[in-house]
Amino acid sequence: MPRAASTAPSSLYVDLARRLTEEINGRRYTVGSLLPTEIAMAQQYGVSRQTVRAALDILQDRGYVSRKKSVGTRVESVDASTHYVQTVDSIEDLVRVAASEIRQIVTVREFTLDRSGARQLQAPLGSKWLVFSGYRVDTRDGKPLAVANFYVDIRFAKIQEEVMQQPQVLISSMIEGRCNESITDVVQIADAVLIDAAMAAALQVPKGSAGLRVLRHYKNIKNELLEISETVYPAERRSLLTQLRRTRRGS
């Protein structure tokens, strides 16, 4: 079943995820042991069950724990792998993903899409964008996980300072908050690429090794394209998991 969207305050569940990670790394919970129940942790840490559940989502994505309804939350590793499985079933899940990897912007520039760029980004020829280029960084150790470019419709250039100052907040959330827009659809496209020399040096992987390119289009109800994100991960570090549920027709 797809996960329910979390309504827990982001700072609370991110802080709890970090604390639980430290306790697992410190061997308070050993491999194979079960974490306390959601109710028990909510009482222990003084937070809601929603906050506990959202924090456990992060730990599960990072490979620290597994969760089964009939068993509970089991510790699977005290030193989780750098390979992540990214589960995105809703727009709200992107907020949870943003809690585990944040932006590190290196350059900002204005850019008009030529034929090559329009084809690469599957966006309108001649459209104008404010482009933030840099990396997605692991919140645990600050190491680059991926090379990333974020394209924001030039009409929303006023959010530039916020994008730079709040790397943990989704750019789409800033567009909604500051620009009187509502993002109703996110289209995600993933394809295989080869890591070029510049990306290889930044990500510390061999030149020409396999990569996973994730392109996301953020659209409003009018199907207008407001933002594009283009992220390239080393294939060994990232998987994407999509769950599909059948819609039952009424009899």
C-alpha atoms as a PDB file:
ATOM      1  CA  MET A   1       0.000   0.000   0.000  1.00  0.00           C
ATOM      2  CA  PRO A   2       1.329   3.496  -0.729  1.00  0.00           C
ATOM      3  CA  ARG A   3       2.363   5.456   2.336  1.00  0.00           C
ATOM      4  CA  ALA A   4       0.040   8.070   3.646  1.00  0.00           C
ATOM      5  CA  ALA A   5       1.269  11.615   3.263  1.00  0.00           C
ATOM      6  CA  SER A   6       2.964  12.875   6.391  1.00  0.00           C
ATOM      7  CA  THR A   7       1.534  15.945   8.079  1.00  0.00           C
ATOM      8  CA  ALA A   8       4.131  15.911  10.872  1.00  0.00           C
ATOM      9  CA  PRO A   9       6.174  19.141  11.186  1.00  0.00           C
ATOM     10  CA  SER A  10       9.317  18.548   9.096  1.00  0.00           C
ATOM     11  CA  SER A  11      11.796  19.684  11.750  1.00  0.00           C
ATOM     12  CA  LEU A  12      10.352  17.266  14.310  1.00  0.00           C
ATOM     13  CA  TYR A  13      10.527  14.100  12.278  1.00  0.00           C
ATOM     14  CA  VAL A  14      13.891  14.992  10.749  1.00  0.00           C
ATOM     15  CA  ASP A  15      15.293  15.579  14.253  1.00  0.00           C
ATOM     16  CA  LEU A  16      13.799  12.306  15.489  1.00  0.00           C
ATOM     17  CA  ALA A  17      15.199  10.407  12.498  1.00  0.00           C
ATOM     18  CA  ARG A  18      18.635  11.848  13.243  1.00  0.00           C
ATOM     19  CA  ARG A  19      18.368  10.889  16.923  1.00  0.00           C
ATOM     20  CA  LEU A  20      17.263   7.336  16.141  1.00  0.00           C
ATOM     21  CA  THR A  21      20.092   7.008  13.629  1.00  0.00           C
ATOM     22  CA  GLU A  22      22.597   8.060  16.296  1.00  0.00           C
ATOM     23  CA  GLU A  23      21.134   5.534  18.737  1.00  0.00           C
ATOM     24  CA  ILE A  24      21.348   2.749  16.159  1.00  0.00           C
ATOM     25  CA  ASN A  25      24.913   3.707  15.234  1.00  0.00           C
ATOM     26  CA  GLY A  26      25.749   3.808  18.953  1.00  0.00           C
ATOM     27  CA  ARG A  27      24.502   0.214  19.291  1.00  0.00           C
ATOM     28  CA  ARG A  28      21.631   1.062  21.601  1.00  0.00           C
ATOM     29  CA  TYR A  29      19.606  -1.047  19.198  1.00  0.00           C
ATOM     30  CA  THR A  30      21.446  -4.041  17.730  1.00  0.00           C
ATOM     31  CA  VAL A  31      20.945  -5.689  14.347  1.00  0.00           C
ATOM     32  CA  GLY A  32      17.932  -7.982  14.477  1.00  0.00           C
ATOM     33  CA  SER A  33      16.349  -6.257  17.479  1.00  0.00           C
ATOM     34  CA  LEU A  34      12.992  -4.523  17.353  1.00  0.00           C
ATOM     35  CA  LEU A  35      12.509  -0.836  17.988  1.00  0.00           C
ATOM     36  CA  PRO A  36       9.805   0.159  20.479  1.00  0.00           C
ATOM     37  CA  THR A  37       6.293   0.494  19.099  1.00  0.00           C
ATOM     38  CA  GLU A  38       5.189   3.759  17.517  1.00  0.00           C
ATOM     39  CA  ILE A  39       3.049   4.496  20.579  1.00  0.00           C
ATOM     40  CA  ALA A  40       5.956   3.816  22.946  1.00  0.00           C
ATOM     41  CA  MET A  41       8.338   6.026  20.937  1.00  0.00           C
ATOM     42  CA  ALA A  42       5.766   8.794  20.733  1.00  0.00           C
ATOM     43  CA  GLN A  43       5.555   8.777  24.521  1.00  0.00           C
ATOM     44  CA  GLN A  44       9.325   8.407  24.990  1.00  0.00           C
ATOM     45  CA  TYR A  45      10.258  11.306  22.697  1.00  0.00           C
ATOM     46  CA  GLY A  46       7.218  13.492  23.350  1.00  0.00           C
ATOM     47  CA  VAL A  47       5.990  13.570  19.745  1.00  0.00           C
ATOM     48  CA  SER A  48       2.966  12.348  17.815  1.00  0.00           C
ATOM     49  CA  ARG A  49       2.654   8.936  16.162  1.00  0.00           C
ATOM     50  CA  GLN A  50       2.653  10.721  12.777  1.00  0.00           C
ATOM     51  CA  THR A  51       6.057  12.191  13.610  1.00  0.00           C
ATOM     52  CA  VAL A  52       7.395   8.774  14.640  1.00  0.00           C
ATOM     53  CA  ARG A  53       6.050   7.192  11.453  1.00  0.00           C
ATOM     54  CA  ALA A  54       7.615   9.871   9.245  1.00  0.00           C
ATOM     55  CA  ALA A  55      10.977   9.481  11.007  1.00  0.00           C
ATOM     56  CA  LEU A  56      10.860   5.708  10.509  1.00  0.00           C
ATOM     57  CA  ASP A  57      10.157   6.272   6.799  1.00  0.00           C
ATOM     58  CA  ILE A  58      13.522   8.047   6.558  1.00  0.00           C
ATOM     59  CA  LEU A  59      15.337   5.256   8.414  1.00  0.00           C
ATOM     60  CA  GLN A  60      13.735   2.646   6.194  1.00  0.00           C
ATOM     61  CA  ASP A  61      14.769   4.490   3.023  1.00  0.00           C
ATOM     62  CA  ARG A  62      18.339   4.629   4.335  1.00  0.00           C
ATOM     63  CA  GLY A  63      18.451   0.905   4.989  1.00  0.00           C
ATOM     64  CA  TYR A  64      18.618   1.036   8.788  1.00  0.00           C
ATOM     65  CA  VAL A  65      15.307  -0.693   9.466  1.00  0.00           C
ATOM     66  CA  SER A  66      12.590  -2.832   7.899  1.00  0.00           C
ATOM     67  CA  ARG A  67       8.925  -2.710   8.853  1.00  0.00           C
ATOM     68  CA  LYS A  68       6.275  -5.413   8.808  1.00  0.00           C
ATOM     69  CA  LYS A  69       2.801  -4.989  10.169  1.00  0.00           C
ATOM     70  CA  SER A  70       2.793  -8.295  12.045  1.00  0.00           C
ATOM     71  CA  VAL A  71       6.357  -7.951  13.369  1.00  0.00           C
ATOM     72  CA  GLY A  72       7.202  -4.292  13.952  1.00  0.00           C
ATOM     73  CA  THR A  73      10.280  -2.248  13.095  1.00  0.00           C
ATOM     74  CA  ARG A  74      13.440  -4.364  12.946  1.00  0.00           C
ATOM     75  CA  VAL A  75      17.001  -3.006  12.873  1.00  0.00           C
ATOM     76  CA  GLU A  76      18.705  -4.256   9.713  1.00  0.00           C
ATOM     77  CA  SER A  77      21.998  -2.361   9.849  1.00  0.00           C
ATOM     78  CA  VAL A  78      24.015  -0.187  12.206  1.00  0.00           C
ATOM     79  CA  ASP A  79      26.041   1.258   9.322  1.00  0.00           C
ATOM     80  CA  ALA A  80      23.615   1.580   6.445  1.00  0.00           C
ATOM     81  CA  SER A  81      24.829   1.376   2.867  1.00  0.00           C
ATOM     82  CA  THR A  82      25.211   4.471   0.715  1.00  0.00           C
ATOM     83  CA  HIS A  83      22.691   2.914  -1.680  1.00  0.00           C
ATOM     84  CA  TYR A  84      19.229   4.310  -1.120  1.00  0.00           C
ATOM     85  CA  VAL A  85      15.832   3.140  -2.307  1.00  0.00           C
ATOM     86  CA  GLN A  86      13.723   6.220  -2.941  1.00  0.00           C
ATOM     87  CA  THR A  87       9.996   5.560  -2.582  1.00  0.00           C
ATOM     88  CA  VAL A  88       7.809   8.311  -3.992  1.00  0.00           C
ATOM     89  CA  ASP A  89       4.078   7.667  -4.158  1.00  0.00           C
ATOM     90  CA  SER A  90       2.801  11.234  -3.735  1.00  0.00           C
ATOM     91  CA  ILE A  91       3.884  14.861  -3.911  1.00  0.00           C
ATOM     92  CA  GLU A  92       4.060  14.862  -0.118  1.00  0.00           C
ATOM     93  CA  ASP A  93       6.646  12.058  -0.242  1.00  0.00           C
ATOM     94  CA  LEU A  94       9.027  14.518  -1.919  1.00  0.00           C
ATOM     95  CA  VAL A  95       9.079  16.461   1.355  1.00  0.00           C
ATOM     96  CA  ARG A  96      10.300  13.346   3.139  1.00  0.00           C
ATOM     97  CA  VAL A  97      12.981  12.764   0.484  1.00  0.00           C
ATOM     98  CA  ALA A  98      14.107  16.376   0.913  1.00  0.00           C
ATOM     99  CA  ALA A  99      14.682  15.656   4.615  1.00  0.00           C
ATOM    100  CA  SER A 100      17.416  13.130   3.823  1.00  0.00           C
ATOM    101  CA  GLU A 101      19.163  14.976   0.967  1.00  0.00           C
ATOM    102  CA  ILE A 102      19.414  18.748   0.680  1.00  0.00           C
ATOM    103  CA  ARG A 103      20.535  21.164  -2.005  1.00  0.00           C
ATOM    104  CA  GLN A 104      24.046  22.582  -2.200  1.00  0.00           C
ATOM    105  CA  ILE A 105      23.936  25.324  -4.831  1.00  0.00           C
ATOM    106  CA  VAL A 106      27.174  26.319  -6.558  1.00  0.00           C
ATOM    107  CA  THR A 107      26.015  28.616  -9.371  1.00  0.00           C
ATOM    108  CA  VAL A 108      22.873  30.529 -10.376  1.00  0.00           C
ATOM    109  CA  ARG A 109      22.206  31.809 -13.887  1.00  0.00           C
ATOM    110  CA  GLU A 110      19.423  32.778 -16.281  1.00  0.00           C
ATOM    111  CA  PHE A 111      18.977  30.417 -19.195  1.00  0.00           C
ATOM    112  CA  THR A 112      16.842  30.280 -22.340  1.00  0.00           C
ATOM    113  CA  LEU A 113      16.235  26.788 -23.702  1.00  0.00           C
ATOM    114  CA  ASP A 114      17.692  26.160 -27.137  1.00  0.00           C
ATOM    115  CA  ARG A 115      16.757  23.101 -29.196  1.00  0.00           C
ATOM    116  CA  SER A 116      19.226  20.856 -27.405  1.00  0.00           C
ATOM    117  CA  GLY A 117      18.138  21.968 -23.934  1.00  0.00           C
ATOM    118  CA  ALA A 118      14.451  21.744 -24.796  1.00  0.00           C
ATOM    119  CA  ARG A 119      14.931  18.186 -26.001  1.00  0.00           C
ATOM    120  CA  GLN A 120      16.992  17.208 -22.953  1.00  0.00           C
ATOM    121  CA  LEU A 121      14.524  18.670 -20.456  1.00  0.00           C
ATOM    122  CA  GLN A 122      11.374  17.942 -22.503  1.00  0.00           C
ATOM    123  CA  ALA A 123      10.384  21.579 -22.064  1.00  0.00           C
ATOM    124  CA  PRO A 124       9.244  24.346 -24.465  1.00  0.00           C
ATOM    125  CA  LEU A 125      11.806  25.779 -26.856  1.00  0.00           C
ATOM    126  CA  GLY A 126      12.661  29.383 -25.973  1.00  0.00           C
ATOM    127  CA  SER A 127      11.309  29.184 -22.421  1.00  0.00           C
ATOM    128  CA  LYS A 128      13.268  31.205 -19.860  1.00  0.00           C
ATOM    129  CA  TRP A 129      14.521  29.809 -16.546  1.00  0.00           C
ATOM    130  CA  LEU A 130      16.513  30.687 -13.466  1.00  0.00           C
ATOM    131  CA  VAL A 131      18.886  27.746 -13.065  1.00  0.00           C
ATOM    132  CA  PHE A 132      20.375  26.649  -9.736  1.00  0.00           C
ATOM    133  CA  SER A 133      23.232  24.197 -10.274  1.00  0.00           C
ATOM    134  CA  GLY A 134      25.030  22.110  -7.680  1.00  0.00           C
ATOM    135  CA  TYR A 135      24.524  18.889  -5.764  1.00  0.00           C
ATOM    136  CA  ARG A 136      22.135  16.898  -3.632  1.00  0.00           C
ATOM    137  CA  VAL A 137      23.965  16.305  -0.362  1.00  0.00           C
ATOM    138  CA  ASP A 138      23.518  13.629   2.297  1.00  0.00           C
ATOM    139  CA  THR A 139      22.284  15.265   5.498  1.00  0.00           C
ATOM    140  CA  ARG A 140      24.226  12.712   7.571  1.00  0.00           C
ATOM    141  CA  ASP A 141      27.756  13.481   6.413  1.00  0.00           C
ATOM    142  CA  GLY A 142      27.524  16.330   3.902  1.00  0.00           C
ATOM    143  CA  LYS A 143      28.844  14.220   1.005  1.00  0.00           C
ATOM    144  CA  PRO A 144      27.436  14.795  -2.500  1.00  0.00           C
ATOM    145  CA  LEU A 145      24.926  12.120  -3.505  1.00  0.00           C
ATOM    146  CA  ALA A 146      24.151  13.493  -6.954  1.00  0.00           C
ATOM    147  CA  VAL A 147      24.705  16.319  -9.405  1.00  0.00           C
ATOM    148  CA  ALA A 148      21.580  18.457  -9.702  1.00  0.00           C
ATOM    149  CA  ASN A 149      20.130  21.331 -11.702  1.00  0.00           C
ATOM    150  CA  PHE A 150      16.934  23.096 -10.660  1.00  0.00           C
ATOM    151  CA  TYR A 151      15.110  25.159 -13.294  1.00  0.00           C
ATOM    152  CA  VAL A 152      12.617  27.724 -11.990  1.00  0.00           C
ATOM    153  CA  ASP A 153      10.335  29.680 -14.316  1.00  0.00           C
ATOM    154  CA  ILE A 154      11.923  33.125 -14.638  1.00  0.00           C
ATOM    155  CA  ARG A 155       8.650  34.666 -13.381  1.00  0.00           C
ATOM    156  CA  PHE A 156       9.500  33.334  -9.921  1.00  0.00           C
ATOM    157  CA  ALA A 157      13.022  34.768  -9.708  1.00  0.00           C
ATOM    158  CA  LYS A 158      12.088  36.512  -6.460  1.00  0.00           C
ATOM    159  CA  ILE A 159      12.534  33.227  -4.563  1.00  0.00           C
ATOM    160  CA  GLN A 160      16.261  33.098  -5.413  1.00  0.00           C
ATOM    161  CA  GLU A 161      17.406  34.220  -1.979  1.00  0.00           C
ATOM    162  CA  GLU A 162      15.139  31.720  -0.223  1.00  0.00           C
ATOM    163  CA  VAL A 163      16.405  28.879  -2.398  1.00  0.00           C
ATOM    164  CA  MET A 164      19.961  29.715  -1.369  1.00  0.00           C
ATOM    165  CA  GLN A 165      19.204  30.206   2.323  1.00  0.00           C
ATOM    166  CA  GLN A 166      16.837  27.260   2.893  1.00  0.00           C
ATOM    167  CA  PRO A 167      18.388  24.206   1.194  1.00  0.00           C
ATOM    168  CA  GLN A 168      16.181  21.782   3.123  1.00  0.00           C
ATOM    169  CA  VAL A 169      12.917  23.237   1.748  1.00  0.00           C
ATOM    170  CA  LEU A 170      11.521  22.085  -1.584  1.00  0.00           C
ATOM    171  CA  ILE A 171      11.683  24.764  -4.267  1.00  0.00           C
ATOM    172  CA  SER A 172       8.147  23.791  -5.276  1.00  0.00           C
ATOM    173  CA  SER A 173       6.976  24.671  -1.764  1.00  0.00           C
ATOM    174  CA  MET A 174       8.598  28.095  -2.096  1.00  0.00           C
ATOM    175  CA  ILE A 175       6.853  28.684  -5.420  1.00  0.00           C
ATOM    176  CA  GLU A 176       3.532  27.850  -3.798  1.00  0.00           C
ATOM    177  CA  GLY A 177       4.217  29.970  -0.733  1.00  0.00           C
ATOM    178  CA  ARG A 178       5.568  33.088  -2.419  1.00  0.00           C
ATOM    179  CA  CYS A 179       4.141  33.096  -5.920  1.00  0.00           C
ATOM    180  CA  ASN A 180       0.453  32.305  -5.464  1.00  0.00           C
ATOM    181  CA  GLU A 181       0.720  29.042  -7.384  1.00  0.00           C
ATOM    182  CA  SER A 182      -0.433  25.514  -6.599  1.00  0.00           C
ATOM    183  CA  ILE A 183       1.504  22.524  -7.893  1.00  0.00           C
ATOM    184  CA  THR A 184      -0.965  19.751  -8.659  1.00  0.00           C
ATOM    185  CA  ASP A 185       1.131  17.311 -10.699  1.00  0.00           C
ATOM    186  CA  VAL A 186       4.702  16.053 -10.694  1.00  0.00           C
ATOM    187  CA  VAL A 187       5.838  13.999 -13.683  1.00  0.00           C
ATOM    188  CA  GLN A 188       8.924  11.868 -13.023  1.00  0.00           C
ATOM    189  CA  ILE A 189      11.091  10.368 -15.768  1.00  0.00           C
ATOM    190  CA  ALA A 190      14.092   8.138 -15.009  1.00  0.00           C
ATOM    191  CA  ASP A 191      16.641   6.961 -17.532  1.00  0.00           C
ATOM    192  CA  ALA A 192      20.140   5.503 -17.679  1.00  0.00           C
ATOM    193  CA  VAL A 193      23.136   7.737 -18.423  1.00  0.00           C
ATOM    194  CA  LEU A 194      26.915   7.555 -18.287  1.00  0.00           C
ATOM    195  CA  ILE A 195      28.744   9.656 -15.696  1.00  0.00           C
ATOM    196  CA  ASP A 196      30.987  12.206 -17.425  1.00  0.00           C
ATOM    197  CA  ALA A 197      34.393  13.342 -16.157  1.00  0.00           C
ATOM    198  CA  ALA A 198      33.168  16.398 -14.231  1.00  0.00           C
ATOM    199  CA  MET A 199      30.412  14.504 -12.443  1.00  0.00           C
ATOM    200  CA  ALA A 200      32.731  11.575 -11.745  1.00  0.00           C
ATOM    201  CA  ALA A 201      35.221  13.835  -9.976  1.00  0.00           C
ATOM    202  CA  ALA A 202      32.531  15.448  -7.829  1.00  0.00           C
ATOM    203  CA  LEU A 203      30.813  12.183  -6.922  1.00  0.00           C
ATOM    204  CA  GLN A 204      34.022  10.148  -6.563  1.00  0.00           C
ATOM    205  CA  VAL A 205      33.040   7.444  -9.027  1.00  0.00           C
ATOM    206  CA  PRO A 206      34.796   6.209 -12.204  1.00  0.00           C
ATOM    207  CA  LYS A 207      34.331   8.221 -15.387  1.00  0.00           C
ATOM    208  CA  GLY A 208      31.934   6.442 -17.716  1.00  0.00           C
ATOM    209  CA  SER A 209      30.252   4.479 -14.934  1.00  0.00           C
ATOM    210  CA  ALA A 210      26.501   3.939 -14.931  1.00  0.00           C
ATOM    211  CA  GLY A 211      24.230   6.704 -13.657  1.00  0.00           C
ATOM    212  CA  LEU A 212      20.530   7.209 -13.023  1.00  0.00           C
ATOM    213  CA  ARG A 213      19.052  10.468 -14.313  1.00  0.00           C
ATOM    214  CA  VAL A 214      15.830  11.599 -12.672  1.00  0.00           C
ATOM    215  CA  LEU A 215      13.888  14.383 -14.391  1.00  0.00           C
ATOM    216  CA  ARG A 216      10.880  15.909 -12.621  1.00  0.00           C
ATOM    217  CA  HIS A 217       8.347  18.350 -14.067  1.00  0.00           C
ATOM    218  CA  TYR A 218       6.283  20.373 -11.578  1.00  0.00           C
ATOM    219  CA  LYS A 219       2.995  21.611 -13.059  1.00  0.00           C
ATOM    220  CA  ASN A 220      -0.032  23.605 -11.974  1.00  0.00           C
ATOM    221  CA  ILE A 221      -3.669  22.803 -12.658  1.00  0.00           C
ATOM    222  CA  LYS A 222      -3.407  24.512 -16.068  1.00  0.00           C
ATOM    223  CA  ASN A 223      -0.629  22.052 -16.989  1.00  0.00           C
ATOM    224  CA  GLU A 224       1.879  24.919 -17.034  1.00  0.00           C
ATOM    225  CA  LEU A 225       5.457  23.916 -16.278  1.00  0.00           C
ATOM    226  CA  LEU A 226       6.683  25.875 -13.228  1.00  0.00           C
ATOM    227  CA  GLU A 227       9.826  24.011 -12.218  1.00  0.00           C
ATOM    228  CA  ILE A 228      12.128  21.290 -13.533  1.00  0.00           C
ATOM    229  CA  SER A 229      14.656  19.316 -11.521  1.00  0.00           C
ATOM    230  CA  GLU A 230      17.328  17.208 -13.206  1.00  0.00           C
ATOM    231  CA  THR A 231      19.367  14.950 -10.947  1.00  0.00           C
ATOM    232  CA  VAL A 232      22.048  12.406 -11.836  1.00  0.00           C
ATOM    233  CA  TYR A 233      22.951   9.746  -9.251  1.00  0.00           C
ATOM    234  CA  PRO A 234      25.612   7.059  -9.550  1.00  0.00           C
ATOM    235  CA  ALA A 235      23.535   3.939 -10.291  1.00  0.00           C
ATOM    236  CA  GLU A 236      25.131   2.077  -7.389  1.00  0.00           C
ATOM    237  CA  ARG A 237      23.772   4.616  -4.908  1.00  0.00           C
ATOM    238  CA  ARG A 238      20.147   5.034  -5.930  1.00  0.00           C
ATOM    239  CA  SER A 239      17.082   3.008  -6.851  1.00  0.00           C
ATOM    240  CA  LEU A 240      13.592   4.296  -7.488  1.00  0.00           C
ATOM    241  CA  LEU A 241      10.576   2.379  -6.249  1.00  0.00           C
ATOM    242  CA  THR A 242       7.097   3.121  -7.552  1.00  0.00           C
ATOM    243  CA  GLN A 243       4.031   1.341  -6.240  1.00  0.00           C
ATOM    244  CA  LEU A 244       0.905   1.128  -8.356  1.00  0.00           C
ATOM    245  CA  ARG A 245      -2.546   0.408  -6.946  1.00  0.00           C
ATOM    246  CA  ARG A 246      -5.504  -0.744  -9.000  1.00  0.00           C
ATOM    247  CA  THR A 247      -8.460   1.617  -8.995  1.00  0.00           C
ATOM    248  CA  ARG A 248     -11.598  -0.440  -8.492  1.00  0.00           C
ATOM    249  CA  ARG A 249     -14.610   0.490 -10.561  1.00  0.00           C
ATOM    250  CA  GLY A 250     -17.995   0.579  -8.940  1.00  0.00           C
ATOM    251  CA  SER A 251     -20.250  -2.369  -9.786  1.00  0.00           C
END
